[in-house]
Amino acid sequence: MQVTTILLIDDDDEDRLLLQKLLARVAGAHYQLIYESSYDAGLRHALEGEHDICLLDYRLGTHNGIELLKEARRQGYMRPIVLLTGAEESEIDIQALQAGADDYISKNHLQGELLHRIIRYAIERKKAEQERERLLHEQIASKELERKKNEFISMVVHELKTPLTSLKGFTQLLARRLAKDCDPHISQLVSRIDAQSNKLTALIDDLLDVTRIEGGTFQFDEDFFSFDELVEEILQDIQLTYTSHTLLREGKAGKIVWGDRKRIGQVIINFLTNAIKYAPDAGKIIVRTEANEQEITFSVQDFGPGIAKEKQEQIFAPFYRIEDPAQRSAPGLGLGLFISAEIIRGQRGRIWVESDEGEGATFLFTLPLSTTK
């Protein structure tokens, strides 16, 4: 049976004997009573911490229990305290609670079961309170760590972008000069440098977007634009870059949309490049646009390996990548879909995937038309 150790601070020896008798009669409980009769000895023992709960009498010679209670709490005493009051001390209870007591009981109402219940509840409440405080401190510390991490990543990203921008500019200048000399081998090498610079730039931009999302500074520049024109521009650019796949367009919205054109285009590009990346041998991709009076629905269908049902919610989490031998060679940090989901939700839309393993995948998002022209 677990032993509950009680520190009793009371200058009346008769009170100690009474409490011992009452506690000894409680069925199913085992109490050990430690006794101190003075303010100084009681405070010293309390701060040593070798007990589970403190029962503190209000009358302590030239001092009172409220004074000891305040001093103990001031010095960091964290265990529960129950104040014992006399019959004529009816207004002490509020003062005790304000000073940091967990409960109080009048000596003329002392009964074994009542005392047992007050002690048990005070201990459990204090444990729950300390657990809440611990979790709150951990949460605050975690948020501070997250803030510092985001600041660090943001600083690193900005420091990387400066030399990378210069590198890209020099590469393009070199490519133009080499084009005049007609050296196809060197021109091809310079084109590869430029392509790798673009990939690195995209990775850095993704990291910057993630830090903005997590830091609450991810913003949108909204205006009216033609959704169909945006889709057509992106399809033409992607088709020129990726000749291995044929992009088949089905349907048009015929709507002017209110939103962040660049950010929504970022989602469309992510859908298309993922379809190419994860279905390299499929040869075709179907792009669909539908619209009704409430919303536009855009989708990209690939004919790759598909996504298992249990993984379809996880793919929109940051840094998540499907661990599959057939897809492991695909590059990336696993941020594109997470950023896409944040963009679409920020544009008041929905985003999801429909897929059966082995039968390809269709990624979809909607945009509301309630704020369209």
Protein backbone atom coordinates (compact mmCIF):
# COMPACT_ATOMS: atom_id res chain seq x y z
CA MET A 1 0.00 0.00 0.00
CA GLN A 2 1.32 3.45 -0.92
CA VAL A 3 2.27 5.62 2.04
CA THR A 4 1.26 9.31 1.98
CA THR A 5 3.64 11.44 4.05
CA ILE A 6 2.08 14.48 5.70
CA LEU A 7 4.03 17.39 7.13
CA LEU A 8 1.96 18.89 9.96
CA ILE A 9 3.02 22.35 11.14
CA ASP A 10 1.05 23.09 14.32
CA ASP A 11 2.08 24.38 17.74
CA ASP A 12 -0.70 22.43 19.49
CA ASP A 13 0.31 18.88 20.43
CA GLU A 14 -3.34 17.91 21.03
CA ASP A 15 -4.13 18.72 17.38
CA ARG A 16 -1.32 16.39 16.30
CA LEU A 17 -2.67 13.52 18.39
CA LEU A 18 -6.18 14.10 17.08
CA LEU A 19 -5.01 14.07 13.46
CA GLN A 20 -3.03 10.88 14.03
CA LYS A 21 -6.11 9.15 15.40
CA LEU A 22 -8.35 10.36 12.59
CA LEU A 23 -5.95 9.30 9.86
CA ALA A 24 -5.31 5.93 11.46
CA ARG A 25 -9.03 5.13 11.19
CA VAL A 26 -9.24 5.76 7.41
CA ALA A 27 -9.78 2.43 5.72
CA GLY A 28 -7.64 1.64 2.69
CA ALA A 29 -5.12 4.42 3.33
CA HIS A 30 -1.74 4.58 5.01
CA TYR A 31 -0.47 7.91 6.34
CA GLN A 32 2.85 8.88 7.88
CA LEU A 33 2.75 12.07 9.95
CA ILE A 34 5.81 14.33 10.36
CA TYR A 35 5.36 17.02 12.99
CA GLU A 36 6.89 20.47 13.39
CA SER A 37 5.65 22.90 16.04
CA SER A 38 7.27 26.23 15.08
CA TYR A 39 7.28 28.64 12.17
CA ASP A 40 11.02 28.40 11.50
CA ALA A 41 11.29 24.61 11.82
CA GLY A 42 8.13 24.11 9.79
CA LEU A 43 9.31 26.36 6.95
CA ARG A 44 12.75 24.72 6.92
CA HIS A 45 11.25 21.23 6.80
CA ALA A 46 8.73 22.22 4.16
CA LEU A 47 11.47 23.48 1.85
CA GLU A 48 13.40 20.22 2.29
CA GLY A 49 10.54 18.52 0.45
CA GLU A 50 10.50 15.05 2.05
CA HIS A 51 6.70 14.72 2.14
CA ASP A 52 3.60 14.66 -0.09
CA ILE A 53 1.40 17.36 1.47
CA CYS A 54 1.56 20.01 4.18
CA LEU A 55 -1.18 20.57 6.79
CA LEU A 56 -0.63 24.04 8.21
CA ASP A 57 -2.29 25.50 11.28
CA TYR A 58 -3.29 29.14 11.12
CA ARG A 59 -2.11 29.80 14.71
CA LEU A 60 1.72 29.54 15.06
CA GLY A 61 2.62 31.54 18.13
CA THR A 62 3.76 35.00 17.11
CA HIS A 63 3.29 34.09 13.45
CA ASN A 64 0.37 32.71 11.51
CA GLY A 65 -0.04 30.12 8.79
CA ILE A 66 -0.72 32.70 6.07
CA GLU A 67 2.72 34.22 6.63
CA LEU A 68 4.40 30.83 6.43
CA LEU A 69 2.32 29.93 3.37
CA LYS A 70 3.35 33.08 1.51
CA GLU A 71 7.02 32.66 2.40
CA ALA A 72 7.04 29.00 1.36
CA ARG A 73 5.45 29.80 -2.00
CA ARG A 74 7.85 32.72 -2.46
CA GLN A 75 10.79 30.36 -2.01
CA GLY A 76 9.42 27.92 -4.59
CA TYR A 77 7.51 25.41 -2.45
CA MET A 78 5.38 23.44 -4.94
CA ARG A 79 3.62 20.80 -2.84
CA PRO A 80 -0.05 21.09 -1.84
CA ILE A 81 -0.90 22.98 1.36
CA VAL A 82 -4.12 22.64 3.34
CA LEU A 83 -4.73 25.29 6.00
CA LEU A 84 -6.29 24.28 9.34
CA THR A 85 -8.48 27.01 10.83
CA GLY A 86 -10.34 27.47 14.08
CA ALA A 87 -14.10 27.90 14.43
CA GLU A 88 -13.78 31.67 14.89
CA GLU A 89 -11.53 32.12 11.84
CA SER A 90 -14.22 31.96 9.17
CA GLU A 91 -12.73 34.68 6.97
CA ILE A 92 -9.26 33.12 6.79
CA ASP A 93 -10.24 30.66 4.05
CA ILE A 94 -10.28 33.27 1.23
CA GLN A 95 -6.99 34.75 2.43
CA ALA A 96 -5.47 31.26 2.44
CA LEU A 97 -6.53 30.50 -1.12
CA GLN A 98 -5.28 33.90 -2.30
CA ALA A 99 -1.93 33.24 -0.60
CA GLY A 100 -1.51 29.90 -2.42
CA ALA A 101 -3.27 27.28 -0.29
CA ASP A 102 -4.87 24.39 -2.14
CA ASP A 103 -7.68 23.93 0.37
CA TYR A 104 -8.71 24.61 3.98
CA ILE A 105 -10.66 22.88 6.72
CA SER A 106 -12.03 24.00 10.06
CA LYS A 107 -10.72 21.99 13.02
CA ASN A 108 -14.20 21.64 14.50
CA HIS A 109 -15.27 19.83 11.31
CA LEU A 110 -12.39 17.37 11.34
CA GLN A 111 -13.50 13.85 10.45
CA GLY A 112 -11.37 11.02 9.14
CA GLU A 113 -13.07 10.50 5.78
CA LEU A 114 -13.45 14.23 5.11
CA LEU A 115 -9.80 14.85 5.93
CA HIS A 116 -8.77 11.89 3.78
CA ARG A 117 -10.81 13.20 0.85
CA ILE A 118 -9.39 16.75 1.16
CA ILE A 119 -5.82 15.42 1.30
CA ARG A 120 -6.33 13.13 -1.69
CA TYR A 121 -8.02 15.80 -3.81
CA ALA A 122 -5.38 18.44 -2.92
CA ILE A 123 -2.56 16.11 -3.97
CA GLU A 124 -4.28 15.15 -7.25
CA ARG A 125 -5.19 18.76 -8.08
CA LYS A 126 -1.61 19.88 -7.46
CA LYS A 127 -0.29 17.08 -9.69
CA ALA A 128 -2.70 18.10 -12.45
CA GLU A 129 -1.79 21.77 -12.04
CA GLN A 130 1.95 21.02 -12.20
CA GLU A 131 1.43 18.82 -15.27
CA ARG A 132 -0.47 21.64 -17.01
CA GLU A 133 2.31 24.07 -16.14
CA ARG A 134 4.93 21.64 -17.40
CA LEU A 135 3.11 21.18 -20.69
CA LEU A 136 2.62 24.94 -21.02
CA HIS A 137 6.32 25.59 -20.42
CA GLU A 138 7.23 22.89 -22.93
CA GLN A 139 4.84 24.44 -25.45
CA ILE A 140 6.30 27.91 -24.91
CA ALA A 141 9.84 26.51 -25.18
CA SER A 142 8.90 24.59 -28.31
CA LYS A 143 7.39 27.70 -29.93
CA GLU A 144 10.49 29.72 -29.05
CA LEU A 145 12.72 27.00 -30.50
CA GLU A 146 10.55 26.90 -33.61
CA ARG A 147 10.76 30.68 -33.93
CA LYS A 148 14.54 30.62 -33.66
CA LYS A 149 14.74 27.73 -36.14
CA ASN A 150 12.60 29.63 -38.65
CA GLU A 151 14.69 32.76 -38.18
CA PHE A 152 17.86 30.75 -38.75
CA ILE A 153 16.50 29.03 -41.87
CA SER A 154 15.25 32.35 -43.22
CA MET A 155 18.67 33.92 -42.65
CA VAL A 156 20.46 30.99 -44.32
CA VAL A 157 18.05 31.06 -47.26
CA HIS A 158 18.63 34.76 -47.86
CA GLU A 159 22.39 34.29 -47.58
CA LEU A 160 22.23 31.46 -50.15
CA LYS A 161 20.04 33.35 -52.59
CA THR A 162 22.49 36.23 -53.00
CA PRO A 163 25.45 34.22 -54.42
CA LEU A 164 23.05 31.93 -56.27
CA THR A 165 21.48 34.88 -58.08
CA SER A 166 24.95 36.06 -59.09
CA LEU A 167 25.91 32.55 -60.23
CA LYS A 168 22.80 32.32 -62.37
CA GLY A 169 23.46 35.72 -63.93
CA PHE A 170 27.06 34.81 -64.77
CA THR A 171 25.90 31.48 -66.22
CA GLN A 172 23.39 33.16 -68.51
CA LEU A 173 26.01 35.70 -69.61
CA LEU A 174 28.45 32.89 -70.33
CA ALA A 175 25.79 31.00 -72.28
CA ARG A 176 25.14 34.02 -74.51
CA ARG A 177 28.85 34.46 -75.26
CA LEU A 178 29.36 30.76 -75.96
CA ALA A 179 26.41 30.76 -78.34
CA LYS A 180 28.44 33.05 -80.63
CA ASP A 181 31.42 30.68 -80.58
CA CYS A 182 29.16 27.74 -81.51
CA ASP A 183 30.78 25.22 -79.12
CA PRO A 184 27.88 22.83 -78.53
CA HIS A 185 29.62 20.71 -75.86
CA ILE A 186 30.49 23.65 -73.63
CA SER A 187 27.10 25.24 -74.25
CA GLN A 188 25.47 22.03 -73.07
CA LEU A 189 27.54 22.04 -69.88
CA VAL A 190 26.57 25.65 -69.21
CA SER A 191 22.90 24.75 -69.76
CA ARG A 192 23.24 22.01 -67.17
CA ILE A 193 24.74 24.46 -64.70
CA ASP A 194 21.81 26.79 -65.32
CA ALA A 195 19.30 23.94 -64.87
CA GLN A 196 20.89 22.86 -61.58
CA SER A 197 20.88 26.48 -60.42
CA ASN A 198 17.15 26.59 -61.12
CA LYS A 199 16.61 23.43 -59.05
CA LEU A 200 18.60 24.86 -56.15
CA THR A 201 16.65 28.12 -56.39
CA ALA A 202 13.37 26.17 -56.24
CA LEU A 203 14.52 24.25 -53.14
CA ILE A 204 15.55 27.49 -51.42
CA ASP A 205 12.21 29.11 -52.30
CA ASP A 206 10.39 26.11 -50.82
CA LEU A 207 12.34 26.38 -47.56
CA LEU A 208 11.59 30.10 -47.39
CA ASP A 209 7.88 29.45 -47.95
CA VAL A 210 7.84 26.86 -45.16
CA THR A 211 9.46 29.24 -42.69
CA ARG A 212 6.89 31.90 -43.64
CA ILE A 213 4.02 29.43 -43.19
CA GLU A 214 5.25 28.24 -39.79
CA GLY A 215 6.09 31.78 -38.71
CA GLY A 216 2.67 33.13 -39.72
CA THR A 217 4.08 35.55 -42.31
CA PHE A 218 2.91 33.73 -45.45
CA GLN A 219 0.98 36.36 -47.40
CA PHE A 220 -1.10 36.57 -50.57
CA ASP A 221 -1.23 39.25 -53.27
CA GLU A 222 -4.79 38.89 -54.52
CA ASP A 223 -6.45 40.35 -57.60
CA PHE A 224 -8.82 39.33 -60.42
CA PHE A 225 -7.36 37.08 -63.13
CA SER A 226 -8.42 34.61 -65.81
CA PHE A 227 -7.98 31.08 -64.51
CA ASP A 228 -7.93 29.57 -68.02
CA GLU A 229 -5.16 31.93 -69.16
CA LEU A 230 -3.05 30.98 -66.15
CA VAL A 231 -3.47 27.27 -66.88
CA GLU A 232 -2.63 27.74 -70.57
CA GLU A 233 0.54 29.73 -69.80
CA ILE A 234 1.79 27.09 -67.40
CA LEU A 235 0.98 24.19 -69.72
CA GLN A 236 2.91 25.82 -72.56
CA ASP A 237 5.96 26.43 -70.34
CA ILE A 238 5.90 22.91 -68.86
CA GLN A 239 5.42 21.28 -72.27
CA LEU A 240 8.47 23.12 -73.65
CA THR A 241 10.57 22.03 -70.68
CA TYR A 242 9.39 18.41 -70.42
CA THR A 243 9.13 16.86 -73.88
CA SER A 244 8.89 13.33 -72.48
CA HIS A 245 5.20 13.77 -71.62
CA THR A 246 2.19 14.98 -73.54
CA LEU A 247 -0.07 17.30 -71.56
CA LEU A 248 -3.70 16.76 -72.53
CA ARG A 249 -6.07 19.54 -71.51
CA GLU A 250 -9.76 18.82 -70.93
CA GLY A 251 -12.33 21.54 -70.17
CA LYS A 252 -12.14 25.20 -69.28
CA ALA A 253 -13.50 27.29 -66.43
CA GLY A 254 -14.48 30.41 -68.35
CA LYS A 255 -14.21 32.37 -65.09
CA ILE A 256 -12.40 35.40 -63.75
CA VAL A 257 -11.08 34.45 -60.32
CA TRP A 258 -10.16 36.51 -57.27
CA GLY A 259 -6.92 35.23 -55.74
CA ASP A 260 -3.13 35.20 -55.79
CA ARG A 261 -2.31 34.35 -59.41
CA LYS A 262 1.35 33.56 -58.74
CA ARG A 263 0.66 31.33 -55.74
CA ILE A 264 -2.15 29.42 -57.45
CA GLY A 265 0.15 28.98 -60.45
CA GLN A 266 2.74 27.57 -58.03
CA VAL A 267 0.25 24.84 -57.05
CA ILE A 268 -0.54 24.00 -60.69
CA ILE A 269 3.18 23.75 -61.48
CA ASN A 270 3.71 21.50 -58.47
CA PHE A 271 0.89 19.18 -59.56
CA LEU A 272 2.30 18.93 -63.09
CA THR A 273 5.97 18.45 -62.17
CA ASN A 274 5.02 15.82 -59.58
CA ALA A 275 2.99 13.96 -62.21
CA ILE A 276 6.01 13.94 -64.53
CA LYS A 277 8.45 13.08 -61.75
CA TYR A 278 6.52 10.17 -60.26
CA ALA A 279 5.25 8.73 -63.56
CA PRO A 280 8.32 9.08 -65.80
CA ASP A 281 7.28 6.30 -68.20
CA ALA A 282 3.59 7.18 -68.50
CA GLY A 283 3.98 9.42 -71.55
CA LYS A 284 0.84 11.49 -70.93
CA ILE A 285 -0.83 13.60 -68.26
CA ILE A 286 -4.45 14.74 -68.26
CA VAL A 287 -5.26 18.25 -67.02
CA ARG A 288 -8.92 18.96 -66.30
CA THR A 289 -10.78 22.16 -65.42
CA GLU A 290 -14.43 22.22 -64.39
CA ALA A 291 -16.64 24.98 -63.00
CA ASN A 292 -20.11 25.48 -61.58
CA GLU A 293 -21.75 28.46 -59.92
CA GLN A 294 -19.90 27.92 -56.64
CA GLU A 295 -16.35 26.85 -57.48
CA ILE A 296 -13.67 25.86 -59.98
CA THR A 297 -12.18 22.37 -59.77
CA PHE A 298 -8.73 21.78 -61.26
CA SER A 299 -7.07 18.36 -61.45
CA VAL A 300 -3.95 16.66 -62.79
CA GLN A 301 -4.11 12.93 -63.51
CA ASP A 302 -1.00 10.81 -63.92
CA PHE A 303 -0.60 7.15 -64.85
CA GLY A 304 2.13 6.21 -62.41
CA PRO A 305 2.28 3.76 -59.48
CA GLY A 306 -0.47 5.49 -57.47
CA ILE A 307 -0.64 6.15 -53.75
CA ALA A 308 -1.86 3.74 -51.05
CA LYS A 309 -4.99 4.87 -49.17
CA GLU A 310 -3.24 5.05 -45.79
CA LYS A 311 -0.63 7.47 -47.20
CA GLN A 312 -2.95 9.89 -48.95
CA GLU A 313 -3.41 12.22 -45.95
CA GLN A 314 0.28 12.16 -45.05
CA ILE A 315 1.52 13.40 -48.42
CA PHE A 316 0.37 16.94 -47.59
CA ALA A 317 2.56 17.03 -44.46
CA PRO A 318 5.90 18.88 -44.55
CA PHE A 319 8.98 16.84 -45.50
CA TYR A 320 6.88 13.72 -46.12
CA ARG A 321 8.08 11.49 -48.93
CA ILE A 322 6.67 8.13 -49.96
CA GLU A 323 9.21 5.42 -49.24
CA ASP A 324 8.76 3.17 -52.23
CA PRO A 325 11.54 1.53 -54.29
CA ALA A 326 9.84 2.62 -57.52
CA GLN A 327 9.74 6.28 -56.41
CA ARG A 328 12.78 6.66 -54.18
CA SER A 329 14.96 8.18 -56.90
CA ALA A 330 12.64 11.19 -57.30
CA PRO A 331 14.43 14.31 -56.00
CA GLY A 332 12.99 16.89 -53.62
CA LEU A 333 12.51 17.75 -49.95
CA GLY A 334 8.84 16.77 -49.71
CA LEU A 335 7.67 20.36 -49.30
CA GLY A 336 5.79 21.05 -52.54
CA LEU A 337 2.46 19.47 -51.58
CA PHE A 338 2.60 20.92 -48.07
CA ILE A 339 3.09 24.43 -49.49
CA SER A 340 0.40 23.78 -52.13
CA ALA A 341 -2.06 22.74 -49.43
CA GLU A 342 -1.33 25.91 -47.43
CA ILE A 343 -1.82 28.05 -50.53
CA ILE A 344 -5.15 26.48 -51.46
CA ARG A 345 -6.47 26.64 -47.91
CA GLY A 346 -5.34 30.26 -47.74
CA GLN A 347 -7.33 30.88 -50.93
CA ARG A 348 -10.42 29.38 -49.25
CA GLY A 349 -10.31 26.23 -51.38
CA ARG A 350 -9.93 22.48 -50.85
CA ILE A 351 -7.09 20.15 -51.90
CA TRP A 352 -6.96 16.36 -52.01
CA VAL A 353 -5.82 13.30 -53.95
CA GLU A 354 -7.74 10.40 -55.45
CA SER A 355 -5.75 7.26 -56.12
CA ASP A 356 -5.66 3.49 -56.05
CA GLU A 357 -2.30 1.84 -55.68
CA GLY A 358 -1.01 0.73 -59.07
CA GLU A 359 -3.53 2.83 -61.02
CA GLY A 360 -2.07 6.33 -61.01
CA ALA A 361 -3.13 9.37 -59.01
CA THR A 362 -5.28 12.45 -59.54
CA PHE A 363 -4.50 15.58 -57.55
CA LEU A 364 -7.31 18.12 -57.26
CA PHE A 365 -8.04 21.52 -55.78
CA THR A 366 -11.01 23.86 -55.79
CA LEU A 367 -11.30 27.63 -55.67
CA PRO A 368 -14.49 29.38 -54.57
CA LEU A 369 -16.30 31.73 -56.93
CA SER A 370 -18.05 33.79 -54.27
CA THR A 371 -15.55 36.62 -54.69
CA THR A 372 -15.18 36.45 -58.47
CA LYS A 373 -15.91 39.28 -60.90
